[in-house]
């Protein structure tokens, strides 16, 4: 059965690689990263192979469109052509809307997918990824102080949902918050950040 999952994941990975937009942040590199972190978090949370397979598929498909509900609809249509059952396609599509910012995940699979999507907040490459997001959102013209104030507030308010993600990312999240705080101090914009 695990081999069947592997074959399907290779197909969805190939599809995603061919169909992801060529943008600075939400590109194939991002979704490949999310699928990988889904597998790591699923293992740490001791999920079954089938649940891990669904999560990795959702990781590859969650940004296939610009909007999460559209990505879910595309996922449900496309996956059966890639060898997924209709039930598998539906289960994956149901996970994807949880990645929309501000949405509260309802179950462990949704929580893992959300944590994987924002895993970089607790990693060493955070500032690089943050810059790529800024480029993609065409916010280079926005004052540095405003951009980093918004980044600071996002980091302050971010909480990982799963035990595994907290263990993996909380320390780095605090370090990245400190880096952004130092940037704001340097830019003279920290006094109004919080």
N, C-alpha and C. Protein backbone atom coordinates (compact mmCIF):
# COMPACT_ATOMS: atom_id res chain seq x y z
N UNK A 1 0.82 -1.20 0.00
CA UNK A 1 0.00 0.00 0.00
C UNK A 1 0.86 1.26 0.00
N UNK A 2 1.97 1.25 0.79
CA UNK A 2 2.84 2.41 0.85
C UNK A 2 3.40 2.74 -0.53
N UNK A 3 3.71 1.70 -1.32
CA UNK A 3 4.23 1.92 -2.68
C UNK A 3 3.18 2.62 -3.55
N UNK A 4 1.91 2.25 -3.37
CA UNK A 4 0.82 2.90 -4.10
C UNK A 4 0.77 4.39 -3.76
N UNK A 5 0.94 4.72 -2.48
CA UNK A 5 0.96 6.12 -2.08
C UNK A 5 2.13 6.85 -2.72
N UNK A 6 3.28 6.19 -2.74
CA UNK A 6 4.48 6.80 -3.32
C UNK A 6 4.26 7.13 -4.80
N UNK A 7 3.67 6.20 -5.53
CA UNK A 7 3.41 6.41 -6.96
C UNK A 7 2.46 7.59 -7.16
N UNK A 8 1.41 7.65 -6.38
CA UNK A 8 0.45 8.75 -6.50
C UNK A 8 1.11 10.08 -6.14
N UNK A 9 1.91 10.08 -5.09
CA UNK A 9 2.59 11.31 -4.70
C UNK A 9 3.56 11.79 -5.78
N UNK A 10 4.22 10.86 -6.45
CA UNK A 10 5.12 11.25 -7.54
C UNK A 10 4.33 11.90 -8.68
N UNK A 11 3.14 11.38 -8.96
CA UNK A 11 2.29 11.96 -10.00
C UNK A 11 1.83 13.36 -9.62
N UNK A 12 1.39 13.52 -8.37
CA UNK A 12 0.89 14.84 -7.94
C UNK A 12 2.04 15.84 -7.87
N UNK A 13 3.21 15.37 -7.47
CA UNK A 13 4.39 16.25 -7.43
C UNK A 13 4.72 16.75 -8.84
N UNK A 14 4.68 15.84 -9.80
CA UNK A 14 4.97 16.21 -11.19
C UNK A 14 3.92 17.18 -11.72
N UNK A 15 2.65 16.92 -11.40
CA UNK A 15 1.58 17.82 -11.82
C UNK A 15 1.78 19.21 -11.21
N UNK A 16 2.06 19.24 -9.91
CA UNK A 16 2.24 20.52 -9.23
C UNK A 16 3.44 21.28 -9.80
N UNK A 17 4.51 20.58 -10.06
CA UNK A 17 5.70 21.24 -10.60
C UNK A 17 5.39 21.89 -11.95
N UNK A 18 4.59 21.22 -12.76
CA UNK A 18 4.25 21.73 -14.09
C UNK A 18 3.22 22.86 -14.04
N UNK A 19 2.44 22.93 -12.96
CA UNK A 19 1.31 23.87 -12.92
C UNK A 19 1.40 24.97 -11.89
N UNK A 20 2.44 24.99 -11.09
CA UNK A 20 2.58 26.05 -10.10
C UNK A 20 3.03 27.34 -10.78
N UNK A 21 2.55 28.47 -10.30
CA UNK A 21 2.98 29.75 -10.88
C UNK A 21 4.47 30.00 -10.62
N UNK A 22 5.08 30.74 -11.50
CA UNK A 22 6.48 31.11 -11.36
C UNK A 22 6.56 32.45 -10.65
N UNK A 23 6.34 32.41 -9.34
CA UNK A 23 6.37 33.62 -8.52
C UNK A 23 7.45 33.46 -7.46
N UNK A 24 7.70 34.53 -6.74
CA UNK A 24 8.84 34.55 -5.82
C UNK A 24 8.69 33.61 -4.62
N UNK A 25 7.50 33.52 -4.04
CA UNK A 25 7.35 32.74 -2.81
C UNK A 25 6.44 31.53 -2.97
N UNK A 26 5.20 31.74 -3.38
CA UNK A 26 4.24 30.63 -3.50
C UNK A 26 4.47 29.88 -4.81
N UNK A 27 5.60 29.20 -4.89
CA UNK A 27 6.01 28.48 -6.09
C UNK A 27 6.20 27.01 -5.75
N UNK A 28 6.77 26.26 -6.70
CA UNK A 28 6.96 24.83 -6.47
C UNK A 28 7.87 24.56 -5.27
N UNK A 29 8.88 25.38 -5.07
CA UNK A 29 9.77 25.19 -3.92
C UNK A 29 9.00 25.25 -2.61
N UNK A 30 8.06 26.17 -2.51
CA UNK A 30 7.25 26.30 -1.29
C UNK A 30 6.40 25.06 -1.08
N UNK A 31 5.68 24.62 -2.09
CA UNK A 31 4.78 23.48 -1.88
C UNK A 31 5.56 22.18 -1.64
N UNK A 32 6.71 22.06 -2.28
CA UNK A 32 7.57 20.88 -2.03
C UNK A 32 8.01 20.88 -0.57
N UNK A 33 8.36 22.05 -0.07
CA UNK A 33 8.75 22.21 1.33
C UNK A 33 7.59 21.86 2.26
N UNK A 34 6.40 22.35 1.95
CA UNK A 34 5.23 22.07 2.79
C UNK A 34 4.94 20.57 2.82
N UNK A 35 5.01 19.91 1.67
CA UNK A 35 4.77 18.46 1.63
C UNK A 35 5.80 17.70 2.48
N UNK A 36 7.04 18.14 2.42
CA UNK A 36 8.11 17.51 3.21
C UNK A 36 7.86 17.69 4.71
N UNK A 37 7.51 18.92 5.11
CA UNK A 37 7.27 19.19 6.53
C UNK A 37 6.00 18.46 7.00
N UNK A 38 5.00 18.33 6.14
CA UNK A 38 3.82 17.53 6.49
C UNK A 38 4.23 16.12 6.89
N UNK A 39 5.12 15.52 6.12
CA UNK A 39 5.58 14.16 6.41
C UNK A 39 6.33 14.11 7.75
N UNK A 40 7.17 15.10 8.00
CA UNK A 40 7.94 15.14 9.26
C UNK A 40 7.01 15.30 10.47
N UNK A 41 6.05 16.22 10.35
CA UNK A 41 5.12 16.44 11.46
C UNK A 41 4.20 15.24 11.66
N UNK A 42 3.76 14.64 10.57
CA UNK A 42 2.89 13.45 10.66
C UNK A 42 3.62 12.32 11.37
N UNK A 43 4.89 12.15 11.06
CA UNK A 43 5.68 11.10 11.73
C UNK A 43 5.81 11.41 13.22
N UNK A 44 6.12 12.66 13.54
CA UNK A 44 6.27 13.05 14.95
C UNK A 44 4.96 12.90 15.71
N UNK A 45 3.85 13.11 15.03
CA UNK A 45 2.52 12.96 15.66
C UNK A 45 2.01 11.52 15.57
N UNK A 46 2.84 10.64 15.02
CA UNK A 46 2.56 9.20 14.93
C UNK A 46 1.30 8.88 14.13
N UNK A 47 1.16 9.54 12.99
CA UNK A 47 0.01 9.27 12.12
C UNK A 47 0.27 8.04 11.27
N UNK A 48 -0.81 7.48 10.78
CA UNK A 48 -0.74 6.32 9.88
C UNK A 48 -0.26 6.77 8.50
N UNK A 49 0.19 5.81 7.71
CA UNK A 49 0.72 6.11 6.37
C UNK A 49 -0.34 6.78 5.49
N UNK A 50 -1.60 6.35 5.61
CA UNK A 50 -2.66 6.93 4.78
C UNK A 50 -2.86 8.41 5.08
N UNK A 51 -2.88 8.76 6.37
CA UNK A 51 -3.05 10.16 6.75
C UNK A 51 -1.87 11.01 6.28
N UNK A 52 -0.67 10.45 6.38
CA UNK A 52 0.53 11.15 5.91
C UNK A 52 0.46 11.38 4.41
N UNK A 53 -0.01 10.38 3.69
CA UNK A 53 -0.19 10.47 2.24
C UNK A 53 -1.17 11.60 1.89
N UNK A 54 -2.29 11.67 2.60
CA UNK A 54 -3.27 12.73 2.36
C UNK A 54 -2.65 14.11 2.64
N UNK A 55 -1.93 14.22 3.73
CA UNK A 55 -1.29 15.49 4.09
C UNK A 55 -0.26 15.93 3.06
N UNK A 56 0.58 15.00 2.63
CA UNK A 56 1.59 15.37 1.63
C UNK A 56 0.93 15.81 0.33
N UNK A 57 -0.12 15.12 -0.05
CA UNK A 57 -0.84 15.51 -1.26
C UNK A 57 -1.41 16.93 -1.11
N UNK A 58 -2.01 17.20 0.05
CA UNK A 58 -2.55 18.54 0.31
C UNK A 58 -1.42 19.58 0.29
N UNK A 59 -0.27 19.20 0.80
CA UNK A 59 0.88 20.10 0.77
C UNK A 59 1.26 20.48 -0.65
N UNK A 60 1.25 19.52 -1.55
CA UNK A 60 1.57 19.79 -2.96
C UNK A 60 0.48 20.61 -3.66
N UNK A 61 -0.76 20.47 -3.24
CA UNK A 61 -1.87 21.08 -3.98
C UNK A 61 -2.44 22.36 -3.35
N UNK A 62 -2.05 22.70 -2.13
CA UNK A 62 -2.75 23.78 -1.42
C UNK A 62 -2.59 25.16 -2.05
N UNK A 63 -1.54 25.37 -2.84
CA UNK A 63 -1.35 26.68 -3.49
C UNK A 63 -1.38 26.57 -5.02
N UNK A 64 -2.04 25.54 -5.52
CA UNK A 64 -2.08 25.33 -6.98
C UNK A 64 -2.88 26.44 -7.67
N UNK A 65 -3.75 27.10 -6.89
CA UNK A 65 -4.48 28.29 -7.34
C UNK A 65 -4.17 29.42 -6.37
N UNK A 66 -4.53 30.66 -6.73
CA UNK A 66 -4.23 31.81 -5.87
C UNK A 66 -5.05 31.82 -4.58
N UNK A 67 -6.18 31.15 -4.59
CA UNK A 67 -7.10 31.18 -3.45
C UNK A 67 -7.37 29.75 -3.00
N UNK A 68 -7.48 29.54 -1.70
CA UNK A 68 -7.56 28.19 -1.13
C UNK A 68 -8.79 27.40 -1.59
N UNK A 69 -9.96 28.04 -1.64
CA UNK A 69 -11.16 27.31 -2.08
C UNK A 69 -11.05 26.90 -3.54
N UNK A 70 -10.44 27.75 -4.36
CA UNK A 70 -10.20 27.41 -5.76
C UNK A 70 -9.20 26.25 -5.86
N UNK A 71 -8.19 26.27 -5.01
CA UNK A 71 -7.20 25.17 -4.99
C UNK A 71 -7.88 23.86 -4.59
N UNK A 72 -8.81 23.94 -3.64
CA UNK A 72 -9.54 22.73 -3.22
C UNK A 72 -10.39 22.18 -4.37
N UNK A 73 -11.06 23.07 -5.10
CA UNK A 73 -11.89 22.62 -6.23
C UNK A 73 -11.02 21.98 -7.32
N UNK A 74 -9.90 22.62 -7.63
CA UNK A 74 -8.99 22.08 -8.65
C UNK A 74 -8.47 20.72 -8.20
N UNK A 75 -8.11 20.63 -6.94
CA UNK A 75 -7.59 19.37 -6.38
C UNK A 75 -8.61 18.25 -6.55
N UNK A 76 -9.85 18.52 -6.21
CA UNK A 76 -10.89 17.49 -6.29
C UNK A 76 -11.11 17.04 -7.73
N UNK A 77 -10.94 17.95 -8.68
CA UNK A 77 -11.12 17.60 -10.10
C UNK A 77 -9.92 16.85 -10.66
N UNK A 78 -8.71 17.28 -10.29
CA UNK A 78 -7.49 16.77 -10.91
C UNK A 78 -7.03 15.43 -10.35
N UNK A 79 -7.12 15.25 -9.04
CA UNK A 79 -6.53 14.05 -8.43
C UNK A 79 -7.03 12.72 -9.01
N UNK A 80 -8.32 12.57 -9.33
CA UNK A 80 -8.74 11.30 -9.93
C UNK A 80 -8.01 10.99 -11.25
N UNK A 81 -7.62 12.02 -11.99
CA UNK A 81 -6.86 11.81 -13.23
C UNK A 81 -5.42 11.39 -12.95
N UNK A 82 -4.98 11.56 -11.70
CA UNK A 82 -3.63 11.19 -11.31
C UNK A 82 -3.61 9.86 -10.54
N UNK A 83 -4.73 9.16 -10.57
CA UNK A 83 -4.79 7.84 -9.95
C UNK A 83 -5.39 7.80 -8.55
N UNK A 84 -5.80 8.93 -8.04
CA UNK A 84 -6.42 8.98 -6.71
C UNK A 84 -7.88 8.54 -6.82
N UNK A 85 -8.38 7.93 -5.76
CA UNK A 85 -9.81 7.61 -5.73
C UNK A 85 -10.58 8.91 -5.53
N UNK A 86 -11.87 8.88 -5.83
CA UNK A 86 -12.71 10.05 -5.61
C UNK A 86 -12.72 10.41 -4.13
N UNK A 87 -12.74 9.41 -3.27
CA UNK A 87 -12.73 9.65 -1.82
C UNK A 87 -11.43 10.31 -1.38
N UNK A 88 -10.30 9.84 -1.88
CA UNK A 88 -9.01 10.45 -1.53
C UNK A 88 -8.97 11.91 -1.99
N UNK A 89 -9.44 12.16 -3.21
CA UNK A 89 -9.45 13.52 -3.75
C UNK A 89 -10.31 14.43 -2.87
N UNK A 90 -11.46 13.93 -2.44
CA UNK A 90 -12.36 14.71 -1.59
C UNK A 90 -11.71 14.99 -0.24
N UNK A 91 -11.06 13.99 0.35
CA UNK A 91 -10.42 14.17 1.65
C UNK A 91 -9.30 15.21 1.58
N UNK A 92 -8.50 15.15 0.52
CA UNK A 92 -7.42 16.13 0.35
C UNK A 92 -8.00 17.52 0.14
N UNK A 93 -9.00 17.62 -0.72
CA UNK A 93 -9.62 18.93 -1.00
C UNK A 93 -10.21 19.55 0.26
N UNK A 94 -10.73 18.74 1.15
CA UNK A 94 -11.31 19.25 2.40
C UNK A 94 -10.25 19.83 3.35
N UNK A 95 -9.01 19.40 3.22
CA UNK A 95 -7.94 19.91 4.08
C UNK A 95 -7.47 21.30 3.66
N UNK A 96 -7.46 21.56 2.38
CA UNK A 96 -6.81 22.75 1.82
C UNK A 96 -7.36 24.08 2.34
N UNK A 97 -8.67 24.28 2.46
CA UNK A 97 -9.16 25.59 2.94
C UNK A 97 -8.63 25.99 4.32
N UNK A 98 -8.17 25.03 5.11
CA UNK A 98 -7.63 25.35 6.43
C UNK A 98 -6.36 26.18 6.35
N UNK A 99 -5.69 26.21 5.18
CA UNK A 99 -4.44 26.97 5.06
C UNK A 99 -4.68 28.46 4.83
N UNK A 100 -5.92 28.85 4.64
CA UNK A 100 -6.21 30.29 4.48
C UNK A 100 -5.97 30.99 5.81
N UNK A 101 -5.18 32.06 5.77
CA UNK A 101 -4.88 32.80 6.99
C UNK A 101 -6.17 33.23 7.68
N UNK A 102 -6.19 33.06 8.99
CA UNK A 102 -7.36 33.43 9.77
C UNK A 102 -8.33 32.29 9.99
N UNK A 103 -8.16 31.19 9.27
CA UNK A 103 -9.03 30.03 9.44
C UNK A 103 -8.50 29.18 10.58
N UNK A 104 -9.39 28.69 11.41
CA UNK A 104 -9.00 27.82 12.52
C UNK A 104 -9.14 26.36 12.09
N UNK A 105 -8.04 25.62 12.08
CA UNK A 105 -8.13 24.21 11.70
C UNK A 105 -8.99 23.43 12.70
N UNK A 106 -9.76 22.47 12.16
CA UNK A 106 -10.73 21.75 12.98
C UNK A 106 -10.24 20.39 13.49
N UNK A 107 -9.22 19.83 12.87
CA UNK A 107 -8.77 18.50 13.27
C UNK A 107 -7.24 18.43 13.14
N UNK A 108 -6.68 17.31 13.57
CA UNK A 108 -5.23 17.17 13.59
C UNK A 108 -4.61 17.30 12.20
N UNK A 109 -5.23 16.72 11.17
CA UNK A 109 -4.67 16.82 9.83
C UNK A 109 -4.63 18.28 9.35
N UNK A 110 -5.69 19.02 9.58
CA UNK A 110 -5.70 20.43 9.20
C UNK A 110 -4.65 21.21 10.00
N UNK A 111 -4.50 20.89 11.27
CA UNK A 111 -3.51 21.57 12.10
C UNK A 111 -2.09 21.31 11.57
N UNK A 112 -1.81 20.08 11.21
CA UNK A 112 -0.49 19.75 10.67
C UNK A 112 -0.24 20.48 9.37
N UNK A 113 -1.23 20.52 8.48
CA UNK A 113 -1.07 21.21 7.21
C UNK A 113 -0.81 22.70 7.44
N UNK A 114 -1.56 23.32 8.34
CA UNK A 114 -1.34 24.74 8.66
C UNK A 114 0.05 24.97 9.23
N UNK A 115 0.48 24.11 10.14
CA UNK A 115 1.81 24.25 10.73
C UNK A 115 2.90 24.08 9.68
N UNK A 116 2.71 23.14 8.76
CA UNK A 116 3.70 22.92 7.71
C UNK A 116 3.77 24.12 6.77
N UNK A 117 2.62 24.71 6.49
CA UNK A 117 2.56 25.86 5.57
C UNK A 117 3.33 27.06 6.14
N UNK A 118 3.34 27.21 7.46
CA UNK A 118 4.03 28.33 8.10
C UNK A 118 5.27 27.90 8.87
N UNK A 119 5.80 26.75 8.52
CA UNK A 119 6.98 26.21 9.19
C UNK A 119 8.16 27.17 9.14
N UNK A 120 8.30 27.90 8.04
CA UNK A 120 9.47 28.79 7.89
C UNK A 120 9.52 29.90 8.93
N UNK A 121 8.42 30.18 9.62
CA UNK A 121 8.43 31.23 10.64
C UNK A 121 9.42 30.90 11.76
N UNK A 122 9.69 29.62 11.94
CA UNK A 122 10.60 29.20 12.99
C UNK A 122 11.93 28.68 12.48
N UNK A 123 12.25 28.99 11.24
CA UNK A 123 13.49 28.46 10.64
C UNK A 123 14.50 29.58 10.40
N UNK A 124 15.72 29.15 10.16
CA UNK A 124 16.82 30.09 9.90
C UNK A 124 16.63 30.85 8.59
N UNK A 125 15.90 30.27 7.64
CA UNK A 125 15.70 30.94 6.34
C UNK A 125 14.50 31.88 6.35
N UNK A 126 13.98 32.20 7.53
CA UNK A 126 12.77 33.02 7.62
C UNK A 126 12.92 34.37 6.91
N UNK A 127 13.97 35.11 7.20
CA UNK A 127 14.09 36.46 6.61
C UNK A 127 14.19 36.38 5.09
N UNK A 128 14.86 35.37 4.59
CA UNK A 128 14.93 35.18 3.13
C UNK A 128 13.53 34.92 2.57
N UNK A 129 12.79 34.02 3.20
CA UNK A 129 11.43 33.71 2.74
C UNK A 129 10.52 34.94 2.88
N UNK A 130 10.70 35.70 3.95
CA UNK A 130 9.91 36.90 4.17
C UNK A 130 10.17 37.91 3.04
N UNK A 131 11.42 38.02 2.62
CA UNK A 131 11.74 38.92 1.51
C UNK A 131 11.08 38.44 0.22
N UNK A 132 11.12 37.14 -0.03
CA UNK A 132 10.49 36.60 -1.24
C UNK A 132 8.98 36.85 -1.23
N UNK A 133 8.36 36.73 -0.07
CA UNK A 133 6.93 37.04 0.05
C UNK A 133 6.69 38.51 -0.25
N UNK A 134 7.56 39.35 0.24
CA UNK A 134 7.43 40.79 -0.01
C UNK A 134 7.56 41.09 -1.50
N UNK A 135 8.49 40.45 -2.17
CA UNK A 135 8.65 40.61 -3.62
C UNK A 135 7.39 40.15 -4.34
N UNK A 136 6.90 38.96 -3.97
CA UNK A 136 5.71 38.41 -4.62
C UNK A 136 4.50 39.31 -4.44
N UNK A 137 4.34 39.87 -3.27
CA UNK A 137 3.19 40.74 -2.99
C UNK A 137 3.39 42.16 -3.50
N UNK A 138 4.50 42.37 -4.20
CA UNK A 138 4.82 43.68 -4.76
C UNK A 138 4.81 44.76 -3.69
N UNK A 139 5.44 44.45 -2.57
CA UNK A 139 5.48 45.38 -1.43
C UNK A 139 6.86 45.99 -1.24
N UNK A 140 7.72 45.91 -2.26
CA UNK A 140 9.05 46.52 -2.12
C UNK A 140 8.94 48.03 -1.98
N UNK A 141 7.88 48.63 -2.50
CA UNK A 141 7.67 50.06 -2.39
C UNK A 141 7.13 50.48 -1.03
N UNK A 142 6.68 49.50 -0.24
CA UNK A 142 6.18 49.78 1.11
C UNK A 142 7.39 50.07 2.00
N UNK A 143 7.27 51.05 2.85
CA UNK A 143 8.37 51.40 3.75
C UNK A 143 8.81 50.19 4.56
N UNK A 144 10.12 50.05 4.73
CA UNK A 144 10.66 48.93 5.51
C UNK A 144 10.05 48.87 6.90
N UNK A 145 9.89 50.02 7.54
CA UNK A 145 9.34 50.02 8.90
C UNK A 145 7.93 49.44 8.92
N UNK A 146 7.10 49.79 7.96
CA UNK A 146 5.74 49.25 7.91
C UNK A 146 5.75 47.75 7.65
N UNK A 147 6.56 47.32 6.68
CA UNK A 147 6.63 45.88 6.37
C UNK A 147 7.07 45.09 7.59
N UNK A 148 8.12 45.54 8.25
CA UNK A 148 8.63 44.79 9.39
C UNK A 148 7.75 44.92 10.63
N UNK A 149 6.99 46.00 10.76
CA UNK A 149 6.00 46.08 11.84
C UNK A 149 4.92 45.02 11.63
N UNK A 150 4.46 44.90 10.39
CA UNK A 150 3.45 43.88 10.08
C UNK A 150 4.01 42.48 10.29
N UNK A 151 5.25 42.28 9.90
CA UNK A 151 5.91 40.99 10.10
C UNK A 151 6.02 40.70 11.59
N UNK A 152 6.44 41.69 12.35
CA UNK A 152 6.59 41.54 13.81
C UNK A 152 5.25 41.14 14.44
N UNK A 153 4.19 41.85 14.08
CA UNK A 153 2.87 41.54 14.63
C UNK A 153 2.41 40.14 14.25
N UNK A 154 2.71 39.73 13.02
CA UNK A 154 2.34 38.39 12.59
C UNK A 154 3.07 37.35 13.43
N UNK A 155 4.37 37.54 13.64
CA UNK A 155 5.15 36.59 14.43
C UNK A 155 4.69 36.57 15.89
N UNK A 156 4.43 37.73 16.47
CA UNK A 156 3.97 37.81 17.86
C UNK A 156 2.67 37.02 18.03
N UNK A 157 1.79 37.10 17.07
CA UNK A 157 0.47 36.46 17.18
C UNK A 157 0.44 35.01 16.70
N UNK A 158 1.55 34.54 16.13
CA UNK A 158 1.54 33.18 15.58
C UNK A 158 1.74 32.13 16.68
N UNK A 159 0.93 31.11 16.62
CA UNK A 159 1.06 29.95 17.51
C UNK A 159 0.94 28.69 16.64
N UNK A 160 1.89 27.80 16.79
CA UNK A 160 1.78 26.52 16.09
C UNK A 160 0.70 25.69 16.78
N UNK A 161 -0.02 24.92 16.00
CA UNK A 161 -1.14 24.15 16.52
C UNK A 161 -0.74 22.82 17.15
N UNK A 162 0.28 22.18 16.58
CA UNK A 162 0.61 20.82 17.03
C UNK A 162 1.84 20.82 17.93
N UNK A 163 1.88 19.81 18.79
CA UNK A 163 3.02 19.62 19.68
C UNK A 163 4.30 19.50 18.86
N UNK A 164 4.25 18.73 17.79
CA UNK A 164 5.44 18.50 16.95
C UNK A 164 5.95 19.80 16.33
N UNK A 165 5.04 20.64 15.86
CA UNK A 165 5.45 21.91 15.25
C UNK A 165 6.01 22.86 16.30
N UNK A 166 5.40 22.86 17.48
CA UNK A 166 5.93 23.72 18.55
C UNK A 166 7.34 23.29 18.92
N UNK A 167 7.55 22.00 19.02
CA UNK A 167 8.89 21.48 19.35
C UNK A 167 9.89 21.83 18.25
N UNK A 168 9.44 21.75 17.02
CA UNK A 168 10.30 22.02 15.87
C UNK A 168 10.57 23.51 15.67
N UNK A 169 9.57 24.37 15.94
CA UNK A 169 9.69 25.76 15.51
C UNK A 169 9.63 26.86 16.54
N UNK A 170 9.20 26.57 17.77
CA UNK A 170 9.03 27.67 18.73
C UNK A 170 10.32 28.41 19.04
N UNK A 171 11.40 27.70 19.22
CA UNK A 171 12.67 28.36 19.53
C UNK A 171 13.10 29.27 18.38
N UNK A 172 12.99 28.77 17.16
CA UNK A 172 13.33 29.59 15.98
C UNK A 172 12.38 30.76 15.80
N UNK A 173 11.13 30.57 16.14
CA UNK A 173 10.15 31.65 16.07
C UNK A 173 10.56 32.80 16.99
N UNK A 174 10.99 32.47 18.19
CA UNK A 174 11.45 33.49 19.13
C UNK A 174 12.70 34.18 18.59
N UNK A 175 13.62 33.41 18.01
CA UNK A 175 14.83 34.00 17.42
C UNK A 175 14.48 34.94 16.27
N UNK A 176 13.55 34.52 15.42
CA UNK A 176 13.16 35.37 14.28
C UNK A 176 12.43 36.62 14.74
N UNK A 177 11.65 36.50 15.77
CA UNK A 177 10.99 37.66 16.34
C UNK A 177 12.04 38.66 16.84
N UNK A 178 13.08 38.13 17.46
CA UNK A 178 14.17 38.98 17.95
C UNK A 178 14.89 39.66 16.78
N UNK A 179 15.11 38.94 15.69
CA UNK A 179 15.76 39.53 14.51
C UNK A 179 14.92 40.67 13.94
N UNK A 180 13.62 40.46 13.83
CA UNK A 180 12.74 41.50 13.29
C UNK A 180 12.69 42.69 14.25
N UNK A 181 12.70 42.41 15.54
CA UNK A 181 12.72 43.48 16.55
C UNK A 181 13.99 44.32 16.38
N UNK A 182 15.13 43.67 16.19
CA UNK A 182 16.39 44.40 15.98
C UNK A 182 16.34 45.22 14.70
N UNK A 183 15.74 44.68 13.64
CA UNK A 183 15.59 45.44 12.40
C UNK A 183 14.74 46.69 12.64
N UNK A 184 13.66 46.53 13.38
CA UNK A 184 12.80 47.68 13.67
C UNK A 184 13.51 48.71 14.53
N UNK A 185 14.30 48.26 15.48
CA UNK A 185 15.08 49.20 16.29
C UNK A 185 16.05 49.97 15.40
N UNK A 186 16.70 49.26 14.50
CA UNK A 186 17.64 49.90 13.57
C UNK A 186 16.92 50.92 12.68
N UNK A 187 15.73 50.57 12.23
CA UNK A 187 14.95 51.43 11.34
C UNK A 187 14.24 52.55 12.09
N UNK A 188 14.27 52.49 13.42
CA UNK A 188 13.59 53.51 14.22
C UNK A 188 12.10 53.35 14.27
N UNK A 189 11.61 52.14 14.02
CA UNK A 189 10.17 51.94 13.97
C UNK A 189 9.65 50.97 15.01
N UNK A 190 10.47 50.62 16.00
CA UNK A 190 10.01 49.61 16.94
C UNK A 190 9.01 50.12 17.97
N UNK A 191 9.10 51.36 18.37
CA UNK A 191 8.25 51.86 19.46
C UNK A 191 6.76 51.67 19.19
N UNK A 192 6.36 51.55 17.92
CA UNK A 192 4.94 51.34 17.61
C UNK A 192 4.66 49.95 17.06
N UNK A 193 5.61 49.02 17.20
CA UNK A 193 5.46 47.70 16.59
C UNK A 193 4.41 46.86 17.31
N UNK A 194 4.37 46.93 18.60
CA UNK A 194 3.47 46.04 19.34
C UNK A 194 2.06 46.59 19.41
